[in-house]
Amino acid sequence: MTAFSTEGQSDPTVQPVPAAVVKQVDAADTTLSNPKMAVIALGSNLGNRLETLQGAVDALEDTPGLRVKAVSPVYETEPWGVAADSQPSYFNAVILVKTTLPPASLLERGQAVEEAFDRVREERWGPRTIDVDIVAYADVLSDDPVLTLPHPRAHERAFVLAPWHDVDPEAQLPGAGPVAELLAGVGREGVLPRADLELRLPE
């Protein structure tokens, strides 16, 4: 799929995957030999939010060594960490992927997808066209400041926990426990399921 490539230009999101990684995973791309499961959270509150979320899902599916296995329902949520009504609401979703990419390369791919949709990082918790966050990667626990695993605030964010629970009711957040229990603890206030909206699982 080429979800948003422009005629005469190559897909800009492909570039950041290092050549060595591409070579490493190309052979495993068809069968994904010994893949790892990762959880990725998506959010958008600028522009055509649903179209942007779908474009991000499709772009991730186009990544060598990555297959999108499940796509959650869409939720509408209030922006995190800012004054009420200061930003548009978010559309949020969670996808489950199987990948042979190491965490650092998966992070680079996520950032490339953000850049392709003109994500601007001007302020913390600022509005954005797309946010691509690695929530968890297998059972990896890491305090690397570049990529902390699992995501350090996932356990307290209903807009991550609710859609994740939808696609994997038995999910465990590494180091924190069952997602169902974490979601029960934080509650669902401000997290509205949008049954009228749907993201497609890439074919």
C-alpha atoms as a PDB file:
ATOM      1  CA  MET A   1       0.000   0.000   0.000  1.00  0.00           C
ATOM      2  CA  THR A   2       1.020   3.558  -0.610  1.00  0.00           C
ATOM      3  CA  ALA A   3      -1.413   5.401   1.585  1.00  0.00           C
ATOM      4  CA  PHE A   4      -0.295   8.917   0.843  1.00  0.00           C
ATOM      5  CA  SER A   5       2.691   8.868  -1.494  1.00  0.00           C
ATOM      6  CA  THR A   6       2.746  11.710  -4.006  1.00  0.00           C
ATOM      7  CA  GLU A   7       3.190  11.012  -7.695  1.00  0.00           C
ATOM      8  CA  GLY A   8       6.807  11.429  -8.645  1.00  0.00           C
ATOM      9  CA  GLN A   9       8.005  11.189  -5.049  1.00  0.00           C
ATOM     10  CA  SER A  10       8.962   8.239  -2.925  1.00  0.00           C
ATOM     11  CA  ASP A  11       7.117   7.604   0.315  1.00  0.00           C
ATOM     12  CA  PRO A  12       9.027   9.803   2.827  1.00  0.00           C
ATOM     13  CA  THR A  13       8.254   7.484   5.721  1.00  0.00           C
ATOM     14  CA  VAL A  14      10.384   4.693   4.261  1.00  0.00           C
ATOM     15  CA  GLN A  15      13.671   6.561   4.510  1.00  0.00           C
ATOM     16  CA  PRO A  16      14.529   6.377   8.233  1.00  0.00           C
ATOM     17  CA  VAL A  17      14.622   2.564   8.424  1.00  0.00           C
ATOM     18  CA  PRO A  18      18.393   1.895   8.299  1.00  0.00           C
ATOM     19  CA  ALA A  19      19.623  -0.102   5.311  1.00  0.00           C
ATOM     20  CA  ALA A  20      21.193  -2.689   7.605  1.00  0.00           C
ATOM     21  CA  VAL A  21      17.866  -3.258   9.324  1.00  0.00           C
ATOM     22  CA  VAL A  22      16.019  -3.539   6.027  1.00  0.00           C
ATOM     23  CA  LYS A  23      18.520  -6.156   4.851  1.00  0.00           C
ATOM     24  CA  GLN A  24      18.159  -8.019   8.138  1.00  0.00           C
ATOM     25  CA  VAL A  25      14.360  -8.185   8.057  1.00  0.00           C
ATOM     26  CA  ASP A  26      13.672  -8.510   4.319  1.00  0.00           C
ATOM     27  CA  ALA A  27      14.220 -12.263   4.370  1.00  0.00           C
ATOM     28  CA  ALA A  28      11.805 -12.601   7.287  1.00  0.00           C
ATOM     29  CA  ASP A  29       9.265 -10.153   5.903  1.00  0.00           C
ATOM     30  CA  THR A  30       6.933 -12.800   4.478  1.00  0.00           C
ATOM     31  CA  THR A  31       6.799 -15.117   7.455  1.00  0.00           C
ATOM     32  CA  LEU A  32       8.127 -12.801  10.177  1.00  0.00           C
ATOM     33  CA  SER A  33      10.339 -15.497  11.633  1.00  0.00           C
ATOM     34  CA  ASN A  34      10.496 -15.156  15.429  1.00  0.00           C
ATOM     35  CA  PRO A  35       8.610 -11.846  15.601  1.00  0.00           C
ATOM     36  CA  LYS A  36       7.903  -9.841  18.736  1.00  0.00           C
ATOM     37  CA  MET A  37       4.511  -8.426  19.659  1.00  0.00           C
ATOM     38  CA  ALA A  38       4.344  -4.669  20.182  1.00  0.00           C
ATOM     39  CA  VAL A  39       1.559  -2.314  21.196  1.00  0.00           C
ATOM     40  CA  ILE A  40       1.369   1.091  19.498  1.00  0.00           C
ATOM     41  CA  ALA A  41      -0.930   3.947  20.505  1.00  0.00           C
ATOM     42  CA  LEU A  42      -2.123   6.449  17.910  1.00  0.00           C
ATOM     43  CA  GLY A  43      -3.667   9.850  18.516  1.00  0.00           C
ATOM     44  CA  SER A  44      -4.683  12.835  16.369  1.00  0.00           C
ATOM     45  CA  ASN A  45      -6.405  16.137  17.141  1.00  0.00           C
ATOM     46  CA  LEU A  46      -5.654  18.237  14.057  1.00  0.00           C
ATOM     47  CA  GLY A  47      -6.940  17.974  10.501  1.00  0.00           C
ATOM     48  CA  ASN A  48      -8.922  14.940   9.327  1.00  0.00           C
ATOM     49  CA  ARG A  49      -8.300  12.865  12.423  1.00  0.00           C
ATOM     50  CA  LEU A  50      -9.766   9.569  11.267  1.00  0.00           C
ATOM     51  CA  GLU A  51      -8.060   9.740   7.865  1.00  0.00           C
ATOM     52  CA  THR A  52      -4.750  10.504   9.548  1.00  0.00           C
ATOM     53  CA  LEU A  53      -5.086   7.562  11.949  1.00  0.00           C
ATOM     54  CA  GLN A  54      -5.856   5.252   9.023  1.00  0.00           C
ATOM     55  CA  GLY A  55      -2.883   6.621   7.085  1.00  0.00           C
ATOM     56  CA  ALA A  56      -0.613   5.891  10.036  1.00  0.00           C
ATOM     57  CA  VAL A  57      -1.933   2.329  10.300  1.00  0.00           C
ATOM     58  CA  ASP A  58      -1.331   1.782   6.575  1.00  0.00           C
ATOM     59  CA  ALA A  59       2.151   3.312   6.713  1.00  0.00           C
ATOM     60  CA  LEU A  60       3.147   1.068   9.603  1.00  0.00           C
ATOM     61  CA  GLU A  61       1.834  -1.968   7.712  1.00  0.00           C
ATOM     62  CA  ASP A  62       4.057  -0.948   4.778  1.00  0.00           C
ATOM     63  CA  THR A  63       7.139  -1.223   6.990  1.00  0.00           C
ATOM     64  CA  PRO A  64       9.492  -4.124   6.173  1.00  0.00           C
ATOM     65  CA  GLY A  65       9.427  -6.614   9.023  1.00  0.00           C
ATOM     66  CA  LEU A  66       6.143  -5.394  10.526  1.00  0.00           C
ATOM     67  CA  ARG A  67       2.572  -6.659  10.283  1.00  0.00           C
ATOM     68  CA  VAL A  68      -0.453  -4.998  11.854  1.00  0.00           C
ATOM     69  CA  LYS A  69      -2.419  -7.786  13.554  1.00  0.00           C
ATOM     70  CA  ALA A  70      -5.252  -5.908  15.282  1.00  0.00           C
ATOM     71  CA  VAL A  71      -6.793  -2.433  15.205  1.00  0.00           C
ATOM     72  CA  SER A  72      -8.889  -1.148  18.102  1.00  0.00           C
ATOM     73  CA  PRO A  73     -12.114   0.826  17.982  1.00  0.00           C
ATOM     74  CA  VAL A  74     -11.741   4.609  17.858  1.00  0.00           C
ATOM     75  CA  TYR A  75     -12.161   6.700  20.996  1.00  0.00           C
ATOM     76  CA  GLU A  76     -12.659  10.438  21.316  1.00  0.00           C
ATOM     77  CA  THR A  77     -10.843  11.929  24.297  1.00  0.00           C
ATOM     78  CA  GLU A  78     -10.049  15.253  25.862  1.00  0.00           C
ATOM     79  CA  PRO A  79      -6.435  16.488  25.478  1.00  0.00           C
ATOM     80  CA  TRP A  80      -4.085  15.404  28.264  1.00  0.00           C
ATOM     81  CA  GLY A  81      -2.290  17.900  30.507  1.00  0.00           C
ATOM     82  CA  VAL A  82      -3.853  21.106  29.127  1.00  0.00           C
ATOM     83  CA  ALA A  83      -6.742  23.410  30.017  1.00  0.00           C
ATOM     84  CA  ALA A  84     -10.214  22.288  28.996  1.00  0.00           C
ATOM     85  CA  ASP A  85     -11.354  23.553  25.572  1.00  0.00           C
ATOM     86  CA  SER A  86      -7.851  24.822  24.744  1.00  0.00           C
ATOM     87  CA  GLN A  87      -7.404  22.211  21.998  1.00  0.00           C
ATOM     88  CA  PRO A  88      -9.621  20.059  19.769  1.00  0.00           C
ATOM     89  CA  SER A  89     -10.476  16.612  21.112  1.00  0.00           C
ATOM     90  CA  TYR A  90      -8.398  13.605  20.122  1.00  0.00           C
ATOM     91  CA  PHE A  91      -9.240  10.501  18.188  1.00  0.00           C
ATOM     92  CA  ASN A  92      -7.275   7.644  19.764  1.00  0.00           C
ATOM     93  CA  ALA A  93      -6.697   4.015  18.861  1.00  0.00           C
ATOM     94  CA  VAL A  94      -4.303   1.181  19.656  1.00  0.00           C
ATOM     95  CA  ILE A  95      -2.840  -1.321  17.217  1.00  0.00           C
ATOM     96  CA  LEU A  96      -1.105  -4.617  17.892  1.00  0.00           C
ATOM     97  CA  VAL A  97       1.790  -5.465  15.608  1.00  0.00           C
ATOM     98  CA  LYS A  98       4.153  -8.347  15.103  1.00  0.00           C
ATOM     99  CA  THR A  99       7.617  -7.198  14.122  1.00  0.00           C
ATOM    100  CA  THR A 100      11.185  -8.305  13.619  1.00  0.00           C
ATOM    101  CA  LEU A 101      12.369  -4.707  13.995  1.00  0.00           C
ATOM    102  CA  PRO A 102      14.274  -3.981  17.208  1.00  0.00           C
ATOM    103  CA  PRO A 103      12.681  -1.342  19.465  1.00  0.00           C
ATOM    104  CA  ALA A 104      14.986   1.472  18.329  1.00  0.00           C
ATOM    105  CA  SER A 105      14.120   0.901  14.660  1.00  0.00           C
ATOM    106  CA  LEU A 106      10.425   0.667  15.476  1.00  0.00           C
ATOM    107  CA  LEU A 107      10.746   4.038  17.216  1.00  0.00           C
ATOM    108  CA  GLU A 108      12.443   5.532  14.146  1.00  0.00           C
ATOM    109  CA  ARG A 109       9.649   4.246  11.934  1.00  0.00           C
ATOM    110  CA  GLY A 110       7.010   5.733  14.220  1.00  0.00           C
ATOM    111  CA  GLN A 111       8.765   9.100  14.179  1.00  0.00           C
ATOM    112  CA  ALA A 112       9.025   8.940  10.390  1.00  0.00           C
ATOM    113  CA  VAL A 113       5.275   8.401  10.150  1.00  0.00           C
ATOM    114  CA  GLU A 114       4.743  11.438  12.402  1.00  0.00           C
ATOM    115  CA  GLU A 115       7.009  13.537  10.184  1.00  0.00           C
ATOM    116  CA  ALA A 116       5.193  12.399   7.050  1.00  0.00           C
ATOM    117  CA  PHE A 117       1.976  13.807   8.494  1.00  0.00           C
ATOM    118  CA  ASP A 118       3.722  17.070   9.420  1.00  0.00           C
ATOM    119  CA  ARG A 119       3.820  16.441  13.149  1.00  0.00           C
ATOM    120  CA  VAL A 120       5.246  19.546  14.849  1.00  0.00           C
ATOM    121  CA  ARG A 121       6.906  19.302  18.265  1.00  0.00           C
ATOM    122  CA  GLU A 122       6.684  22.844  19.585  1.00  0.00           C
ATOM    123  CA  GLU A 123       5.282  22.251  23.058  1.00  0.00           C
ATOM    124  CA  ARG A 124       4.739  19.408  25.459  1.00  0.00           C
ATOM    125  CA  TRP A 125       1.199  18.060  25.147  1.00  0.00           C
ATOM    126  CA  GLY A 126       0.649  20.422  22.221  1.00  0.00           C
ATOM    127  CA  PRO A 127      -1.839  19.636  19.453  1.00  0.00           C
ATOM    128  CA  ARG A 128      -0.592  17.283  16.779  1.00  0.00           C
ATOM    129  CA  THR A 129      -1.661  15.788  13.486  1.00  0.00           C
ATOM    130  CA  ILE A 130      -0.492  12.369  14.652  1.00  0.00           C
ATOM    131  CA  ASP A 131       1.149  10.858  17.691  1.00  0.00           C
ATOM    132  CA  VAL A 132       2.719   7.393  17.375  1.00  0.00           C
ATOM    133  CA  ASP A 133       3.796   5.933  20.725  1.00  0.00           C
ATOM    134  CA  ILE A 134       5.258   2.526  21.453  1.00  0.00           C
ATOM    135  CA  VAL A 135       3.340   1.429  24.544  1.00  0.00           C
ATOM    136  CA  ALA A 136       4.999  -1.962  24.995  1.00  0.00           C
ATOM    137  CA  TYR A 137       7.428  -4.212  23.131  1.00  0.00           C
ATOM    138  CA  ALA A 138       7.138  -7.879  24.115  1.00  0.00           C
ATOM    139  CA  ASP A 139       8.083  -8.091  27.812  1.00  0.00           C
ATOM    140  CA  VAL A 140      10.934  -5.596  27.514  1.00  0.00           C
ATOM    141  CA  LEU A 141      11.583  -3.341  30.508  1.00  0.00           C
ATOM    142  CA  SER A 142      13.945  -0.461  29.750  1.00  0.00           C
ATOM    143  CA  ASP A 143      14.630   2.914  31.335  1.00  0.00           C
ATOM    144  CA  ASP A 144      16.514   4.211  28.298  1.00  0.00           C
ATOM    145  CA  PRO A 145      15.494   7.903  28.086  1.00  0.00           C
ATOM    146  CA  VAL A 146      15.313   7.686  24.283  1.00  0.00           C
ATOM    147  CA  LEU A 147      12.726   4.893  24.459  1.00  0.00           C
ATOM    148  CA  THR A 148      11.415   3.911  27.879  1.00  0.00           C
ATOM    149  CA  LEU A 149       9.577   0.575  27.814  1.00  0.00           C
ATOM    150  CA  PRO A 150       6.821   0.182  28.568  1.00  0.00           C
ATOM    151  CA  HIS A 151       5.626   3.757  28.010  1.00  0.00           C
ATOM    152  CA  PRO A 152       6.081   5.441  31.404  1.00  0.00           C
ATOM    153  CA  ARG A 153       2.550   6.883  31.555  1.00  0.00           C
ATOM    154  CA  ALA A 154       0.575   4.127  29.841  1.00  0.00           C
ATOM    155  CA  HIS A 155      -0.689   2.735  33.148  1.00  0.00           C
ATOM    156  CA  GLU A 156      -2.554   5.961  33.945  1.00  0.00           C
ATOM    157  CA  ARG A 157      -4.006   6.792  30.529  1.00  0.00           C
ATOM    158  CA  ALA A 158      -7.501   5.507  29.856  1.00  0.00           C
ATOM    159  CA  PHE A 159      -7.202   6.560  26.201  1.00  0.00           C
ATOM    160  CA  VAL A 160      -4.476   3.921  25.854  1.00  0.00           C
ATOM    161  CA  LEU A 161      -5.817   1.282  28.230  1.00  0.00           C
ATOM    162  CA  ALA A 162      -9.424   1.260  26.930  1.00  0.00           C
ATOM    163  CA  PRO A 163      -8.673   0.575  23.254  1.00  0.00           C
ATOM    164  CA  TRP A 164      -5.864  -1.844  24.199  1.00  0.00           C
ATOM    165  CA  HIS A 165      -8.290  -3.784  26.392  1.00  0.00           C
ATOM    166  CA  ASP A 166     -10.748  -3.921  23.480  1.00  0.00           C
ATOM    167  CA  VAL A 167      -8.291  -5.722  21.202  1.00  0.00           C
ATOM    168  CA  ASP A 168      -6.646  -7.850  23.918  1.00  0.00           C
ATOM    169  CA  PRO A 169      -8.772  -8.301  27.069  1.00  0.00           C
ATOM    170  CA  GLU A 170      -6.096 -10.486  28.658  1.00  0.00           C
ATOM    171  CA  ALA A 171      -3.260  -8.026  27.980  1.00  0.00           C
ATOM    172  CA  GLN A 172      -0.588  -7.353  30.573  1.00  0.00           C
ATOM    173  CA  LEU A 173       1.386  -4.129  30.815  1.00  0.00           C
ATOM    174  CA  PRO A 174       4.933  -5.290  31.599  1.00  0.00           C
ATOM    175  CA  GLY A 175       5.872  -4.387  35.148  1.00  0.00           C
ATOM    176  CA  ALA A 176       2.395  -2.996  35.949  1.00  0.00           C
ATOM    177  CA  GLY A 177      -0.091  -5.852  35.664  1.00  0.00           C
ATOM    178  CA  PRO A 178      -3.311  -6.656  33.798  1.00  0.00           C
ATOM    179  CA  VAL A 179      -4.615  -3.898  31.546  1.00  0.00           C
ATOM    180  CA  ALA A 180      -8.175  -4.664  32.708  1.00  0.00           C
ATOM    181  CA  GLU A 181      -7.236  -3.903  36.321  1.00  0.00           C
ATOM    182  CA  LEU A 182      -5.316  -0.766  35.385  1.00  0.00           C
ATOM    183  CA  LEU A 183      -8.285   0.480  33.362  1.00  0.00           C
ATOM    184  CA  ALA A 184     -10.664  -0.215  36.239  1.00  0.00           C
ATOM    185  CA  GLY A 185      -8.373   1.814  38.480  1.00  0.00           C
ATOM    186  CA  VAL A 186      -8.242   4.927  36.290  1.00  0.00           C
ATOM    187  CA  GLY A 187     -11.816   4.749  35.003  1.00  0.00           C
ATOM    188  CA  ARG A 188     -13.212   5.800  31.634  1.00  0.00           C
ATOM    189  CA  GLU A 189     -14.118   9.412  32.321  1.00  0.00           C
ATOM    190  CA  GLY A 190     -13.440  11.603  29.302  1.00  0.00           C
ATOM    191  CA  VAL A 191     -12.920   8.584  27.021  1.00  0.00           C
ATOM    192  CA  LEU A 192     -15.830   8.249  24.597  1.00  0.00           C
ATOM    193  CA  PRO A 193     -16.145   5.234  22.282  1.00  0.00           C
ATOM    194  CA  ARG A 194     -17.001   6.312  18.727  1.00  0.00           C
ATOM    195  CA  ALA A 195     -18.980   3.388  17.350  1.00  0.00           C
ATOM    196  CA  ASP A 196     -19.725   5.474  14.246  1.00  0.00           C
ATOM    197  CA  LEU A 197     -16.046   5.502  13.270  1.00  0.00           C
ATOM    198  CA  GLU A 198     -13.890   2.589  12.204  1.00  0.00           C
ATOM    199  CA  LEU A 199     -10.296   1.954  11.230  1.00  0.00           C
ATOM    200  CA  ARG A 200      -9.597  -0.753   8.678  1.00  0.00           C
ATOM    201  CA  LEU A 201      -7.155  -3.552   9.283  1.00  0.00           C
ATOM    202  CA  PRO A 202      -4.719  -3.478   6.333  1.00  0.00           C
ATOM    203  CA  GLU A 203      -5.275  -6.296   3.866  1.00  0.00           C
END
